N, C-alpha and C. Protein backbone atom coordinates (compact mmCIF):
# COMPACT_ATOMS: atom_id res chain seq x y z
N MET A 1 0.83 -1.19 0.00
CA MET A 1 0.00 0.00 0.00
C MET A 1 0.87 1.26 0.00
N ARG A 2 1.99 1.20 0.70
CA ARG A 2 2.89 2.36 0.75
C ARG A 2 3.38 2.71 -0.65
N ARG A 3 3.66 1.69 -1.44
CA ARG A 3 4.13 1.92 -2.81
C ARG A 3 3.05 2.63 -3.64
N LEU A 4 1.79 2.24 -3.45
CA LEU A 4 0.71 2.90 -4.17
C LEU A 4 0.54 4.34 -3.72
N GLN A 5 0.75 4.62 -2.43
CA GLN A 5 0.65 5.99 -1.94
C GLN A 5 1.75 6.85 -2.55
N GLN A 6 2.96 6.32 -2.63
CA GLN A 6 4.05 7.07 -3.24
C GLN A 6 3.77 7.29 -4.73
N PHE A 7 3.21 6.28 -5.37
CA PHE A 7 2.88 6.39 -6.79
C PHE A 7 1.86 7.50 -7.01
N GLY A 8 0.85 7.57 -6.14
CA GLY A 8 -0.18 8.59 -6.27
C GLY A 8 0.31 9.98 -5.93
N GLN A 9 1.30 10.10 -5.06
CA GLN A 9 1.82 11.41 -4.67
C GLN A 9 2.59 12.06 -5.80
N GLN A 10 3.07 11.29 -6.71
CA GLN A 10 3.81 11.85 -7.84
C GLN A 10 2.86 12.52 -8.83
N GLY A 11 1.58 12.38 -8.63
CA GLY A 11 0.61 13.03 -9.51
C GLY A 11 0.32 12.24 -10.77
N ASP A 12 0.78 11.00 -10.84
CA ASP A 12 0.58 10.21 -12.05
C ASP A 12 -0.85 9.67 -12.12
N VAL A 13 -1.21 8.85 -11.15
CA VAL A 13 -2.54 8.23 -11.14
C VAL A 13 -3.00 8.15 -9.69
N ASP A 14 -4.27 8.40 -9.48
CA ASP A 14 -4.85 8.30 -8.16
C ASP A 14 -4.80 6.83 -7.72
N PRO A 15 -4.33 6.53 -6.49
CA PRO A 15 -4.24 5.12 -6.06
C PRO A 15 -5.54 4.34 -6.16
N PRO A 16 -6.71 4.90 -5.79
CA PRO A 16 -7.93 4.11 -5.97
C PRO A 16 -8.19 3.74 -7.44
N THR A 17 -7.80 4.62 -8.36
CA THR A 17 -7.97 4.31 -9.79
C THR A 17 -7.08 3.13 -10.16
N ALA A 18 -5.83 3.17 -9.71
CA ALA A 18 -4.91 2.07 -10.02
C ALA A 18 -5.39 0.76 -9.40
N ILE A 19 -5.89 0.83 -8.17
CA ILE A 19 -6.40 -0.38 -7.51
C ILE A 19 -7.63 -0.90 -8.25
N GLY A 20 -8.51 0.02 -8.63
CA GLY A 20 -9.72 -0.39 -9.35
C GLY A 20 -9.41 -1.06 -10.66
N ILE A 21 -8.46 -0.51 -11.40
CA ILE A 21 -8.09 -1.12 -12.67
C ILE A 21 -7.45 -2.47 -12.43
N PHE A 22 -6.59 -2.57 -11.41
CA PHE A 22 -5.90 -3.82 -11.12
C PHE A 22 -6.89 -4.92 -10.71
N ARG A 23 -7.91 -4.57 -9.93
CA ARG A 23 -8.85 -5.57 -9.41
C ARG A 23 -10.04 -5.80 -10.33
N LEU A 24 -10.08 -5.16 -11.46
CA LEU A 24 -11.19 -5.30 -12.39
C LEU A 24 -11.27 -6.73 -12.92
N ASN A 25 -12.48 -7.27 -13.00
CA ASN A 25 -12.67 -8.61 -13.55
C ASN A 25 -12.70 -8.53 -15.07
N ALA A 26 -11.53 -8.41 -15.65
CA ALA A 26 -11.41 -8.34 -17.11
C ALA A 26 -10.06 -8.93 -17.50
N ASP A 27 -9.91 -9.15 -18.79
CA ASP A 27 -8.64 -9.67 -19.28
C ASP A 27 -7.52 -8.67 -19.02
N ALA A 28 -6.31 -9.16 -19.06
CA ALA A 28 -5.15 -8.31 -18.79
C ALA A 28 -5.03 -7.19 -19.83
N TRP A 29 -5.36 -7.49 -21.09
CA TRP A 29 -5.23 -6.44 -22.12
C TRP A 29 -6.24 -5.33 -21.90
N VAL A 30 -7.41 -5.64 -21.34
CA VAL A 30 -8.41 -4.61 -21.06
C VAL A 30 -7.91 -3.72 -19.92
N ARG A 31 -7.38 -4.35 -18.87
CA ARG A 31 -6.83 -3.57 -17.75
C ARG A 31 -5.65 -2.72 -18.21
N GLY A 32 -4.82 -3.27 -19.06
CA GLY A 32 -3.68 -2.51 -19.60
C GLY A 32 -4.14 -1.33 -20.43
N PHE A 33 -5.15 -1.57 -21.25
CA PHE A 33 -5.71 -0.49 -22.07
C PHE A 33 -6.25 0.63 -21.20
N LEU A 34 -6.99 0.28 -20.15
CA LEU A 34 -7.55 1.29 -19.25
C LEU A 34 -6.44 2.05 -18.52
N ALA A 35 -5.40 1.35 -18.12
CA ALA A 35 -4.29 2.01 -17.44
C ALA A 35 -3.59 3.01 -18.36
N ILE A 36 -3.36 2.61 -19.60
CA ILE A 36 -2.74 3.51 -20.57
C ILE A 36 -3.65 4.70 -20.85
N ALA A 37 -4.96 4.46 -20.93
CA ALA A 37 -5.91 5.55 -21.18
C ALA A 37 -5.89 6.55 -20.04
N VAL A 38 -5.82 6.08 -18.81
CA VAL A 38 -5.76 6.99 -17.66
C VAL A 38 -4.47 7.79 -17.69
N LEU A 39 -3.36 7.14 -17.98
CA LEU A 39 -2.09 7.86 -18.07
C LEU A 39 -2.14 8.92 -19.18
N TYR A 40 -2.74 8.58 -20.31
CA TYR A 40 -2.87 9.54 -21.41
C TYR A 40 -3.73 10.72 -20.99
N LEU A 41 -4.81 10.45 -20.27
CA LEU A 41 -5.70 11.51 -19.80
C LEU A 41 -4.96 12.45 -18.85
N VAL A 42 -4.21 11.90 -17.92
CA VAL A 42 -3.47 12.74 -16.97
C VAL A 42 -2.41 13.55 -17.70
N THR A 43 -1.68 12.92 -18.61
CA THR A 43 -0.65 13.62 -19.36
C THR A 43 -1.25 14.76 -20.19
N SER A 44 -2.38 14.50 -20.81
CA SER A 44 -3.05 15.54 -21.61
C SER A 44 -3.49 16.71 -20.74
N ALA A 45 -3.99 16.41 -19.55
CA ALA A 45 -4.43 17.48 -18.65
C ALA A 45 -3.26 18.35 -18.23
N PHE A 46 -2.11 17.73 -17.90
CA PHE A 46 -0.93 18.50 -17.52
C PHE A 46 -0.42 19.34 -18.69
N THR A 47 -0.41 18.76 -19.88
CA THR A 47 0.05 19.49 -21.05
C THR A 47 -0.84 20.70 -21.32
N LEU A 48 -2.14 20.51 -21.24
CA LEU A 48 -3.07 21.61 -21.45
C LEU A 48 -2.86 22.71 -20.41
N ALA A 49 -2.68 22.32 -19.16
CA ALA A 49 -2.45 23.31 -18.10
C ALA A 49 -1.17 24.10 -18.35
N LYS A 50 -0.13 23.43 -18.79
CA LYS A 50 1.14 24.12 -19.07
C LYS A 50 1.01 25.07 -20.25
N VAL A 51 0.29 24.66 -21.29
CA VAL A 51 0.11 25.53 -22.45
C VAL A 51 -0.67 26.79 -22.06
N ILE A 52 -1.72 26.61 -21.29
CA ILE A 52 -2.51 27.76 -20.84
C ILE A 52 -1.66 28.68 -19.99
N ARG A 53 -0.86 28.12 -19.07
CA ARG A 53 0.01 28.92 -18.22
C ARG A 53 1.04 29.68 -19.05
N ASP A 54 1.65 29.03 -20.03
CA ASP A 54 2.65 29.68 -20.87
C ASP A 54 2.05 30.82 -21.68
N ARG A 55 0.85 30.62 -22.21
CA ARG A 55 0.19 31.69 -22.97
C ARG A 55 -0.13 32.87 -22.07
N GLN A 56 -0.55 32.59 -20.86
CA GLN A 56 -0.86 33.66 -19.92
C GLN A 56 0.41 34.44 -19.55
N GLU A 57 1.50 33.72 -19.31
CA GLU A 57 2.77 34.39 -18.98
C GLU A 57 3.27 35.21 -20.16
N ALA A 58 3.11 34.72 -21.37
CA ALA A 58 3.54 35.47 -22.55
C ALA A 58 2.75 36.77 -22.67
N GLY A 59 1.46 36.71 -22.38
CA GLY A 59 0.65 37.92 -22.40
C GLY A 59 1.07 38.93 -21.35
N GLN A 60 1.48 38.44 -20.20
CA GLN A 60 1.95 39.32 -19.14
C GLN A 60 3.26 40.00 -19.52
N ILE A 61 4.14 39.28 -20.21
CA ILE A 61 5.42 39.85 -20.62
C ILE A 61 5.18 40.97 -21.64
N VAL A 62 4.30 40.74 -22.60
CA VAL A 62 3.98 41.77 -23.59
C VAL A 62 3.38 42.98 -22.90
N SER A 63 2.52 42.74 -21.93
CA SER A 63 1.90 43.83 -21.19
C SER A 63 2.96 44.63 -20.42
N ARG A 64 3.92 43.95 -19.84
CA ARG A 64 4.99 44.64 -19.11
C ARG A 64 5.85 45.49 -20.03
N VAL A 65 6.14 44.97 -21.21
CA VAL A 65 6.94 45.74 -22.18
C VAL A 65 6.18 46.99 -22.61
N ASP A 66 4.90 46.84 -22.90
CA ASP A 66 4.08 48.00 -23.27
C ASP A 66 4.01 49.02 -22.14
N GLN A 67 3.89 48.54 -20.92
CA GLN A 67 3.83 49.43 -19.77
C GLN A 67 5.16 50.16 -19.59
N ALA A 68 6.27 49.48 -19.79
CA ALA A 68 7.58 50.12 -19.67
C ALA A 68 7.77 51.20 -20.74
N ARG A 69 7.31 50.93 -21.96
CA ARG A 69 7.39 51.94 -23.02
C ARG A 69 6.57 53.18 -22.68
N MET A 70 5.38 52.96 -22.15
CA MET A 70 4.52 54.08 -21.78
C MET A 70 5.15 54.90 -20.66
N GLU A 71 5.71 54.23 -19.67
CA GLU A 71 6.37 54.94 -18.57
C GLU A 71 7.56 55.75 -19.08
N LYS A 72 8.30 55.20 -20.03
CA LYS A 72 9.44 55.93 -20.59
C LYS A 72 8.97 57.18 -21.33
N LEU A 73 7.92 57.04 -22.13
CA LEU A 73 7.39 58.20 -22.84
C LEU A 73 6.89 59.28 -21.87
N LEU A 74 6.20 58.86 -20.82
CA LEU A 74 5.70 59.83 -19.85
C LEU A 74 6.84 60.49 -19.08
N ALA A 75 7.90 59.75 -18.80
CA ALA A 75 9.04 60.31 -18.07
C ALA A 75 9.80 61.31 -18.95
N GLU A 76 9.85 61.06 -20.24
CA GLU A 76 10.57 61.96 -21.15
C GLU A 76 9.74 63.19 -21.55
N HIS A 77 8.45 63.11 -21.37
CA HIS A 77 7.57 64.21 -21.79
C HIS A 77 7.66 65.38 -20.81
N ASP A 78 7.90 66.55 -21.35
CA ASP A 78 7.93 67.78 -20.53
C ASP A 78 6.74 68.64 -20.98
N PRO A 79 5.73 68.80 -20.11
CA PRO A 79 4.54 69.56 -20.52
C PRO A 79 4.83 71.05 -20.70
N PHE A 80 5.93 71.55 -20.16
CA PHE A 80 6.24 72.96 -20.27
C PHE A 80 7.16 73.31 -21.43
N GLU A 81 7.55 72.32 -22.17
CA GLU A 81 8.43 72.55 -23.32
C GLU A 81 7.63 73.18 -24.45
N ARG A 82 8.25 74.21 -25.07
CA ARG A 82 7.59 74.87 -26.21
C ARG A 82 7.72 74.02 -27.46
N LEU A 83 6.70 73.98 -28.20
CA LEU A 83 6.71 73.21 -29.44
C LEU A 83 7.29 73.98 -30.56
C-alpha cells in the first residue's frame, strides 16, 4: 500500500484508480488499455495546463513591455516645453 501511496503522490494516477483497474474482472489487455488511457488523460491534462500557463505568462510579458514603453514616454515628456 505504501508503494501505491508514493505512486499517487507523484501526480501520475490516483491510487484508488490504479487499484480499481488492477482488481477489475477483465482480461489483462483490457486492464492494460484502461491504465494507458488513464495515463494519457493525466498527461493531456498537464500538457493543457502548461500551455494555458505559458500563454498567460507570454501575455503578461507583452503587457509589461508596453507598460515600460509608456512609462518611458511619460518620463521623457515635458509639458512645459515649447513646441
